[in-house]
Amino acid sequence: MDKLVCIITGPERNGTTYFKNLLDSHPDIYSGFETGLLLHDDFEKSLPFKDWIYNGKYQWGISKDINLFDKTLTIGDKYNFLYHHKGSGNGYNQKLIRESKYLVDKTPAYFQKLPEIYKRLNNKDIPILITIKNYKESYNSNVITPLNI
């Protein structure tokens, strides 16, 4: 897990993607979509993340032959697999993911289970960064923005 820079979480529509994009502007970091690796000890139960992590485009693009469902894998093993097999697609974003030297795991779903996530992480050196807007900004993001789409 020495390639994992941080974990970003927070309520949905509260700036997690914005913060991830700020970190992605660093030349050594470009992370894919949400991983969900810390949600369950059994990755098979991490829906919809188990499907997203294997997809290309903005997702991580892990090769289908990499088995993250093996229950003997530690969280560190899973992040190492993610790092070494990321970006298998041919698109521009996949190229950036493949060339990144570090990982950022941006998964808002972790926010609802922070004590469990912290326990599963079992590494006090990996910061968990939480983004939360004030009520008015959060209300505008959740109510007004979808109406303008």
N, C-alpha and C. Protein backbone atom coordinates (compact mmCIF):
# COMPACT_ATOMS: atom_id res chain seq x y z
N MET A 1 0.82 -1.20 0.00
CA MET A 1 0.00 0.00 0.00
C MET A 1 0.85 1.25 0.00
N ASP A 2 2.13 1.12 -0.30
CA ASP A 2 3.00 2.29 -0.30
C ASP A 2 2.69 3.24 -1.45
N LYS A 3 1.88 2.83 -2.42
CA LYS A 3 1.50 3.69 -3.54
C LYS A 3 0.20 4.44 -3.28
N LEU A 4 -0.52 4.08 -2.21
CA LEU A 4 -1.77 4.73 -1.87
C LEU A 4 -1.48 6.03 -1.12
N VAL A 5 -1.83 7.16 -1.74
CA VAL A 5 -1.55 8.47 -1.15
C VAL A 5 -2.57 8.80 -0.06
N CYS A 6 -3.85 8.58 -0.38
CA CYS A 6 -4.90 8.92 0.58
C CYS A 6 -6.21 8.27 0.14
N ILE A 7 -7.17 8.34 1.04
CA ILE A 7 -8.53 7.91 0.76
C ILE A 7 -9.40 9.15 0.92
N ILE A 8 -10.23 9.40 -0.09
CA ILE A 8 -11.14 10.56 -0.05
C ILE A 8 -12.56 10.03 0.08
N THR A 9 -13.29 10.58 1.03
CA THR A 9 -14.69 10.20 1.20
C THR A 9 -15.47 11.41 1.69
N GLY A 10 -16.75 11.25 1.75
CA GLY A 10 -17.66 12.30 2.20
C GLY A 10 -19.03 12.01 1.65
N PRO A 11 -20.04 12.71 2.11
CA PRO A 11 -21.37 12.51 1.55
C PRO A 11 -21.35 12.79 0.04
N GLU A 12 -22.20 12.08 -0.69
CA GLU A 12 -22.26 12.31 -2.13
C GLU A 12 -22.56 13.77 -2.42
N ARG A 13 -21.99 14.27 -3.51
CA ARG A 13 -22.18 15.65 -3.97
C ARG A 13 -21.66 16.67 -2.95
N ASN A 14 -20.59 16.30 -2.27
CA ASN A 14 -19.98 17.20 -1.29
C ASN A 14 -18.51 17.49 -1.59
N GLY A 15 -18.10 17.33 -2.82
CA GLY A 15 -16.76 17.76 -3.22
C GLY A 15 -15.71 16.67 -3.31
N THR A 16 -16.08 15.40 -3.20
CA THR A 16 -15.07 14.33 -3.27
C THR A 16 -14.42 14.27 -4.65
N THR A 17 -15.23 14.39 -5.69
CA THR A 17 -14.68 14.34 -7.05
C THR A 17 -13.83 15.57 -7.33
N TYR A 18 -14.27 16.72 -6.87
CA TYR A 18 -13.49 17.95 -7.05
C TYR A 18 -12.12 17.80 -6.38
N PHE A 19 -12.11 17.29 -5.16
CA PHE A 19 -10.85 17.13 -4.44
C PHE A 19 -9.95 16.10 -5.13
N LYS A 20 -10.54 15.00 -5.62
CA LYS A 20 -9.78 13.99 -6.37
C LYS A 20 -9.18 14.61 -7.62
N ASN A 21 -9.97 15.44 -8.31
CA ASN A 21 -9.47 16.09 -9.52
C ASN A 21 -8.31 17.04 -9.21
N LEU A 22 -8.36 17.70 -8.06
CA LEU A 22 -7.23 18.55 -7.66
C LEU A 22 -5.97 17.71 -7.49
N LEU A 23 -6.10 16.57 -6.82
CA LEU A 23 -4.94 15.69 -6.65
C LEU A 23 -4.48 15.12 -7.99
N ASP A 24 -5.42 14.82 -8.88
CA ASP A 24 -5.07 14.30 -10.21
C ASP A 24 -4.29 15.31 -11.03
N SER A 25 -4.34 16.58 -10.67
CA SER A 25 -3.58 17.58 -11.42
C SER A 25 -2.08 17.47 -11.15
N HIS A 26 -1.70 16.71 -10.13
CA HIS A 26 -0.28 16.45 -9.87
C HIS A 26 0.22 15.48 -10.95
N PRO A 27 1.40 15.69 -11.50
CA PRO A 27 1.86 14.85 -12.61
C PRO A 27 2.04 13.37 -12.27
N ASP A 28 2.15 13.01 -11.01
CA ASP A 28 2.37 11.61 -10.63
C ASP A 28 1.10 10.91 -10.16
N ILE A 29 -0.04 11.61 -10.20
CA ILE A 29 -1.29 11.03 -9.69
C ILE A 29 -2.38 11.17 -10.75
N TYR A 30 -3.03 10.07 -11.04
CA TYR A 30 -4.27 10.09 -11.81
C TYR A 30 -5.04 8.85 -11.43
N SER A 31 -6.13 9.03 -10.74
CA SER A 31 -6.87 7.89 -10.20
C SER A 31 -8.15 7.66 -10.98
N GLY A 32 -8.54 6.42 -11.02
CA GLY A 32 -9.79 6.04 -11.66
C GLY A 32 -10.97 6.29 -10.75
N PHE A 33 -12.08 5.72 -11.16
CA PHE A 33 -13.35 5.87 -10.46
C PHE A 33 -13.29 5.19 -9.09
N GLU A 34 -14.35 5.21 -8.36
CA GLU A 34 -14.42 4.65 -7.01
C GLU A 34 -14.05 3.17 -6.99
N THR A 35 -13.37 2.73 -5.92
CA THR A 35 -12.94 1.33 -5.84
C THR A 35 -13.85 0.46 -4.98
N GLY A 36 -14.25 0.96 -3.82
CA GLY A 36 -15.06 0.16 -2.90
C GLY A 36 -14.28 -0.98 -2.25
N LEU A 37 -12.95 -0.96 -2.35
CA LEU A 37 -12.14 -2.06 -1.81
C LEU A 37 -12.29 -2.24 -0.30
N LEU A 38 -12.62 -1.19 0.40
CA LEU A 38 -12.68 -1.25 1.87
C LEU A 38 -14.10 -1.48 2.41
N LEU A 39 -15.08 -1.60 1.54
CA LEU A 39 -16.46 -1.73 2.00
C LEU A 39 -16.77 -3.07 2.65
N HIS A 40 -16.19 -4.15 2.14
CA HIS A 40 -16.45 -5.50 2.64
C HIS A 40 -15.15 -6.29 2.62
N ASP A 41 -15.03 -7.22 3.54
CA ASP A 41 -13.90 -8.14 3.47
C ASP A 41 -14.01 -9.00 2.22
N ASP A 42 -15.23 -9.28 1.80
CA ASP A 42 -15.50 -10.06 0.60
C ASP A 42 -15.85 -9.08 -0.53
N PHE A 43 -14.90 -8.87 -1.45
CA PHE A 43 -15.09 -7.88 -2.52
C PHE A 43 -16.27 -8.22 -3.42
N GLU A 44 -16.67 -9.48 -3.45
CA GLU A 44 -17.82 -9.91 -4.25
C GLU A 44 -19.09 -9.16 -3.80
N LYS A 45 -19.14 -8.73 -2.54
CA LYS A 45 -20.30 -8.01 -2.01
C LYS A 45 -20.24 -6.51 -2.25
N SER A 46 -19.16 -6.02 -2.79
CA SER A 46 -18.99 -4.58 -3.01
C SER A 46 -19.64 -4.18 -4.33
N LEU A 47 -20.93 -3.98 -4.27
CA LEU A 47 -21.67 -3.58 -5.47
C LEU A 47 -21.89 -2.07 -5.46
N PRO A 48 -21.83 -1.40 -6.55
CA PRO A 48 -21.50 -1.82 -7.90
C PRO A 48 -19.99 -1.78 -8.19
N PHE A 49 -19.20 -1.58 -7.16
CA PHE A 49 -17.76 -1.36 -7.32
C PHE A 49 -17.05 -2.53 -7.99
N LYS A 50 -17.48 -3.74 -7.67
CA LYS A 50 -16.83 -4.92 -8.26
C LYS A 50 -16.94 -4.92 -9.77
N ASP A 51 -17.99 -4.30 -10.31
CA ASP A 51 -18.13 -4.19 -11.75
C ASP A 51 -17.36 -2.98 -12.29
N TRP A 52 -17.43 -1.88 -11.59
CA TRP A 52 -16.78 -0.66 -12.05
C TRP A 52 -15.27 -0.80 -12.15
N ILE A 53 -14.65 -1.48 -11.21
CA ILE A 53 -13.20 -1.54 -11.15
C ILE A 53 -12.60 -2.27 -12.36
N TYR A 54 -13.40 -3.12 -12.98
CA TYR A 54 -12.92 -3.86 -14.15
C TYR A 54 -13.23 -3.14 -15.47
N ASN A 55 -14.00 -2.06 -15.44
CA ASN A 55 -14.35 -1.35 -16.66
C ASN A 55 -13.29 -0.34 -17.04
N GLY A 56 -13.29 0.05 -18.29
CA GLY A 56 -12.36 1.05 -18.80
C GLY A 56 -12.93 2.45 -18.66
N LYS A 57 -12.69 3.29 -19.65
CA LYS A 57 -13.09 4.70 -19.69
C LYS A 57 -12.51 5.43 -18.48
N TYR A 58 -13.37 5.91 -17.57
CA TYR A 58 -12.88 6.64 -16.40
C TYR A 58 -12.56 5.70 -15.23
N GLN A 59 -12.96 4.44 -15.35
CA GLN A 59 -12.73 3.49 -14.28
C GLN A 59 -11.30 2.96 -14.34
N TRP A 60 -10.96 2.09 -13.41
CA TRP A 60 -9.59 1.62 -13.25
C TRP A 60 -9.12 0.73 -14.38
N GLY A 61 -10.02 -0.02 -15.00
CA GLY A 61 -9.63 -0.86 -16.13
C GLY A 61 -8.77 -2.05 -15.74
N ILE A 62 -9.08 -2.69 -14.61
CA ILE A 62 -8.33 -3.88 -14.20
C ILE A 62 -8.67 -5.02 -15.15
N SER A 63 -7.68 -5.78 -15.53
CA SER A 63 -7.88 -6.92 -16.40
C SER A 63 -8.82 -7.93 -15.73
N LYS A 64 -9.69 -8.54 -16.50
CA LYS A 64 -10.68 -9.48 -15.96
C LYS A 64 -10.03 -10.72 -15.33
N ASP A 65 -8.79 -11.01 -15.68
CA ASP A 65 -8.14 -12.19 -15.10
C ASP A 65 -7.52 -11.92 -13.73
N ILE A 66 -7.56 -10.68 -13.25
CA ILE A 66 -7.09 -10.34 -11.90
C ILE A 66 -8.24 -10.58 -10.93
N ASN A 67 -8.05 -11.46 -9.98
CA ASN A 67 -9.11 -11.88 -9.07
C ASN A 67 -9.03 -11.13 -7.74
N LEU A 68 -9.81 -10.07 -7.62
CA LEU A 68 -9.87 -9.34 -6.35
C LEU A 68 -10.87 -9.98 -5.39
N PHE A 69 -11.52 -11.07 -5.81
CA PHE A 69 -12.53 -11.72 -4.98
C PHE A 69 -11.93 -12.78 -4.07
N ASP A 70 -10.67 -13.08 -4.22
CA ASP A 70 -9.99 -14.08 -3.39
C ASP A 70 -10.02 -13.60 -1.94
N LYS A 71 -10.67 -14.35 -1.07
CA LYS A 71 -10.85 -13.94 0.32
C LYS A 71 -9.57 -14.00 1.14
N THR A 72 -8.50 -14.60 0.59
CA THR A 72 -7.24 -14.64 1.31
C THR A 72 -6.41 -13.38 1.09
N LEU A 73 -6.84 -12.53 0.14
CA LEU A 73 -6.10 -11.29 -0.13
C LEU A 73 -6.33 -10.27 0.98
N THR A 74 -5.27 -9.63 1.38
CA THR A 74 -5.39 -8.53 2.34
C THR A 74 -5.77 -7.26 1.59
N ILE A 75 -6.13 -6.24 2.32
CA ILE A 75 -6.42 -4.94 1.70
C ILE A 75 -5.17 -4.45 0.97
N GLY A 76 -4.02 -4.63 1.57
CA GLY A 76 -2.77 -4.23 0.92
C GLY A 76 -2.56 -4.97 -0.40
N ASP A 77 -2.87 -6.26 -0.40
CA ASP A 77 -2.76 -7.05 -1.64
C ASP A 77 -3.67 -6.48 -2.72
N LYS A 78 -4.89 -6.14 -2.32
CA LYS A 78 -5.86 -5.62 -3.30
C LYS A 78 -5.40 -4.29 -3.88
N TYR A 79 -4.89 -3.40 -3.02
CA TYR A 79 -4.39 -2.12 -3.54
C TYR A 79 -3.15 -2.34 -4.42
N ASN A 80 -2.32 -3.29 -4.07
CA ASN A 80 -1.15 -3.60 -4.90
C ASN A 80 -1.58 -4.12 -6.27
N PHE A 81 -2.58 -5.02 -6.30
CA PHE A 81 -3.11 -5.50 -7.58
C PHE A 81 -3.67 -4.33 -8.38
N LEU A 82 -4.41 -3.46 -7.71
CA LEU A 82 -4.99 -2.30 -8.38
C LEU A 82 -3.88 -1.46 -9.00
N TYR A 83 -2.82 -1.23 -8.24
CA TYR A 83 -1.72 -0.39 -8.74
C TYR A 83 -1.01 -1.05 -9.93
N HIS A 84 -0.70 -2.30 -9.81
CA HIS A 84 0.10 -2.97 -10.85
C HIS A 84 -0.68 -3.36 -12.10
N HIS A 85 -2.01 -3.36 -12.02
CA HIS A 85 -2.81 -3.78 -13.16
C HIS A 85 -3.81 -2.73 -13.61
N LYS A 86 -3.62 -1.50 -13.21
CA LYS A 86 -4.55 -0.42 -13.54
C LYS A 86 -4.38 0.03 -15.00
N GLY A 87 -5.47 0.55 -15.54
CA GLY A 87 -5.39 1.19 -16.85
C GLY A 87 -5.16 0.26 -18.02
N SER A 88 -5.89 -0.85 -18.08
CA SER A 88 -5.66 -1.79 -19.17
C SER A 88 -6.33 -1.36 -20.47
N GLY A 89 -7.20 -0.34 -20.42
CA GLY A 89 -7.88 0.13 -21.63
C GLY A 89 -6.98 0.97 -22.50
N ASN A 90 -7.49 1.38 -23.65
CA ASN A 90 -6.69 2.12 -24.63
C ASN A 90 -6.99 3.60 -24.68
N GLY A 91 -7.96 4.09 -23.92
CA GLY A 91 -8.34 5.49 -23.98
C GLY A 91 -7.36 6.41 -23.29
N TYR A 92 -7.60 7.72 -23.47
CA TYR A 92 -6.73 8.74 -22.89
C TYR A 92 -6.68 8.65 -21.36
N ASN A 93 -7.86 8.51 -20.71
CA ASN A 93 -7.90 8.41 -19.26
C ASN A 93 -7.19 7.15 -18.78
N GLN A 94 -7.35 6.05 -19.52
CA GLN A 94 -6.67 4.81 -19.15
C GLN A 94 -5.15 4.98 -19.22
N LYS A 95 -4.68 5.73 -20.20
CA LYS A 95 -3.24 6.01 -20.31
C LYS A 95 -2.76 6.79 -19.09
N LEU A 96 -3.52 7.79 -18.66
CA LEU A 96 -3.14 8.59 -17.49
C LEU A 96 -3.15 7.73 -16.23
N ILE A 97 -4.15 6.86 -16.10
CA ILE A 97 -4.22 5.96 -14.94
C ILE A 97 -3.01 5.03 -14.94
N ARG A 98 -2.71 4.46 -16.10
CA ARG A 98 -1.59 3.52 -16.23
C ARG A 98 -0.26 4.18 -15.86
N GLU A 99 -0.08 5.45 -16.25
CA GLU A 99 1.19 6.15 -16.02
C GLU A 99 1.31 6.75 -14.62
N SER A 100 0.23 6.77 -13.85
CA SER A 100 0.29 7.37 -12.51
C SER A 100 1.21 6.57 -11.60
N LYS A 101 1.93 7.27 -10.77
CA LYS A 101 2.87 6.63 -9.84
C LYS A 101 2.23 6.33 -8.49
N TYR A 102 1.07 6.95 -8.23
CA TYR A 102 0.41 6.81 -6.94
C TYR A 102 -1.09 6.62 -7.13
N LEU A 103 -1.73 6.09 -6.11
CA LEU A 103 -3.17 5.86 -6.10
C LEU A 103 -3.87 6.82 -5.15
N VAL A 104 -5.08 7.18 -5.52
CA VAL A 104 -6.00 7.87 -4.63
C VAL A 104 -7.30 7.08 -4.72
N ASP A 105 -7.83 6.66 -3.59
CA ASP A 105 -9.09 5.93 -3.57
C ASP A 105 -10.18 6.90 -3.14
N LYS A 106 -10.95 7.36 -4.12
CA LYS A 106 -12.05 8.29 -3.84
C LYS A 106 -13.34 7.50 -3.89
N THR A 107 -13.90 7.19 -2.72
CA THR A 107 -15.13 6.41 -2.65
C THR A 107 -16.06 7.03 -1.60
N PRO A 108 -17.07 7.82 -2.02
CA PRO A 108 -17.99 8.43 -1.07
C PRO A 108 -18.71 7.42 -0.18
N ALA A 109 -18.94 6.20 -0.66
CA ALA A 109 -19.66 5.19 0.14
C ALA A 109 -18.93 4.85 1.44
N TYR A 110 -17.65 5.12 1.53
CA TYR A 110 -16.91 4.86 2.77
C TYR A 110 -17.42 5.73 3.91
N PHE A 111 -17.95 6.90 3.59
CA PHE A 111 -18.36 7.86 4.62
C PHE A 111 -19.39 7.27 5.57
N GLN A 112 -20.29 6.45 5.05
CA GLN A 112 -21.34 5.86 5.87
C GLN A 112 -20.82 4.79 6.82
N LYS A 113 -19.61 4.31 6.59
CA LYS A 113 -19.05 3.21 7.39
C LYS A 113 -17.64 3.55 7.89
N LEU A 114 -17.40 4.79 8.25
CA LEU A 114 -16.04 5.22 8.60
C LEU A 114 -15.35 4.36 9.66
N PRO A 115 -16.00 4.00 10.77
CA PRO A 115 -15.30 3.15 11.75
C PRO A 115 -14.85 1.81 11.16
N GLU A 116 -15.71 1.19 10.34
CA GLU A 116 -15.35 -0.09 9.70
C GLU A 116 -14.22 0.11 8.70
N ILE A 117 -14.28 1.19 7.95
CA ILE A 117 -13.26 1.48 6.94
C ILE A 117 -11.91 1.67 7.61
N TYR A 118 -11.90 2.44 8.68
CA TYR A 118 -10.66 2.69 9.41
C TYR A 118 -10.08 1.39 9.95
N LYS A 119 -10.94 0.53 10.45
CA LYS A 119 -10.49 -0.76 10.98
C LYS A 119 -9.94 -1.65 9.87
N ARG A 120 -10.64 -1.72 8.74
CA ARG A 120 -10.18 -2.55 7.61
C ARG A 120 -8.88 -2.03 7.03
N LEU A 121 -8.72 -0.72 7.01
CA LEU A 121 -7.51 -0.13 6.46
C LEU A 121 -6.29 -0.58 7.25
N ASN A 122 -6.43 -0.63 8.57
CA ASN A 122 -5.38 -1.15 9.43
C ASN A 122 -4.02 -0.52 9.15
N ASN A 123 -4.01 0.71 8.75
CA ASN A 123 -2.77 1.42 8.48
C ASN A 123 -2.98 2.88 8.84
N LYS A 124 -2.46 3.28 9.95
CA LYS A 124 -2.71 4.63 10.44
C LYS A 124 -1.95 5.70 9.64
N ASP A 125 -1.05 5.27 8.73
CA ASP A 125 -0.28 6.24 7.95
C ASP A 125 -1.01 6.71 6.69
N ILE A 126 -2.09 6.05 6.31
CA ILE A 126 -2.86 6.46 5.13
C ILE A 126 -3.95 7.42 5.59
N PRO A 127 -3.87 8.69 5.17
CA PRO A 127 -4.89 9.64 5.61
C PRO A 127 -6.24 9.39 4.94
N ILE A 128 -7.30 9.54 5.72
CA ILE A 128 -8.66 9.52 5.20
C ILE A 128 -9.14 10.97 5.21
N LEU A 129 -9.34 11.52 4.02
CA LEU A 129 -9.74 12.91 3.87
C LEU A 129 -11.24 12.96 3.63
N ILE A 130 -11.93 13.76 4.41
CA ILE A 130 -13.38 13.84 4.35
C ILE A 130 -13.77 15.24 3.85
N THR A 131 -14.59 15.28 2.80
CA THR A 131 -15.07 16.56 2.29
C THR A 131 -16.54 16.70 2.67
N ILE A 132 -16.87 17.83 3.26
CA ILE A 132 -18.26 18.11 3.64
C ILE A 132 -18.53 19.60 3.37
N LYS A 133 -19.56 19.86 2.60
CA LYS A 133 -19.96 21.24 2.34
C LYS A 133 -20.87 21.70 3.49
N ASN A 134 -21.01 23.02 3.61
CA ASN A 134 -21.99 23.50 4.58
C ASN A 134 -23.39 23.21 4.04
N TYR A 135 -24.39 23.31 4.86
CA TYR A 135 -25.74 22.90 4.51
C TYR A 135 -26.25 23.59 3.25
N LYS A 136 -26.08 24.89 3.15
CA LYS A 136 -26.61 25.63 2.00
C LYS A 136 -25.97 25.15 0.70
N GLU A 137 -24.65 24.99 0.69
CA GLU A 137 -23.97 24.52 -0.53
C GLU A 137 -24.39 23.10 -0.86
N SER A 138 -24.51 22.25 0.14
CA SER A 138 -24.91 20.87 -0.08
C SER A 138 -26.33 20.82 -0.62
N TYR A 139 -27.22 21.62 -0.08
CA TYR A 139 -28.60 21.67 -0.55
C TYR A 139 -28.64 22.08 -2.02
N ASN A 140 -27.88 23.12 -2.38
CA ASN A 140 -27.84 23.57 -3.76
C ASN A 140 -27.31 22.49 -4.69
N SER A 141 -26.30 21.75 -4.28
CA SER A 141 -25.73 20.68 -5.10
C SER A 141 -26.72 19.55 -5.31
N ASN A 142 -27.46 19.22 -4.28
CA ASN A 142 -28.36 18.08 -4.35
C ASN A 142 -29.72 18.39 -4.95
N VAL A 143 -30.17 19.63 -4.86
CA VAL A 143 -31.52 19.96 -5.30
C VAL A 143 -31.51 20.77 -6.58
N ILE A 144 -30.77 21.84 -6.62
CA ILE A 144 -30.84 22.75 -7.76
C ILE A 144 -30.08 22.21 -8.97
N THR A 145 -28.88 21.69 -8.78
CA THR A 145 -28.07 21.23 -9.91
C THR A 145 -28.76 20.16 -10.74
N PRO A 146 -29.35 19.12 -10.15
CA PRO A 146 -30.01 18.11 -11.00
C PRO A 146 -31.15 18.68 -11.83
N LEU A 147 -31.81 19.72 -11.36
CA LEU A 147 -32.91 20.30 -12.11
C LEU A 147 -32.40 21.04 -13.34
N ASN A 148 -31.13 21.46 -13.32
CA ASN A 148 -30.57 22.21 -14.45
C ASN A 148 -30.00 21.30 -15.51
N ILE A 149 -29.99 20.01 -15.28
CA ILE A 149 -29.38 19.07 -16.25
C ILE A 149 -30.29 18.89 -17.45
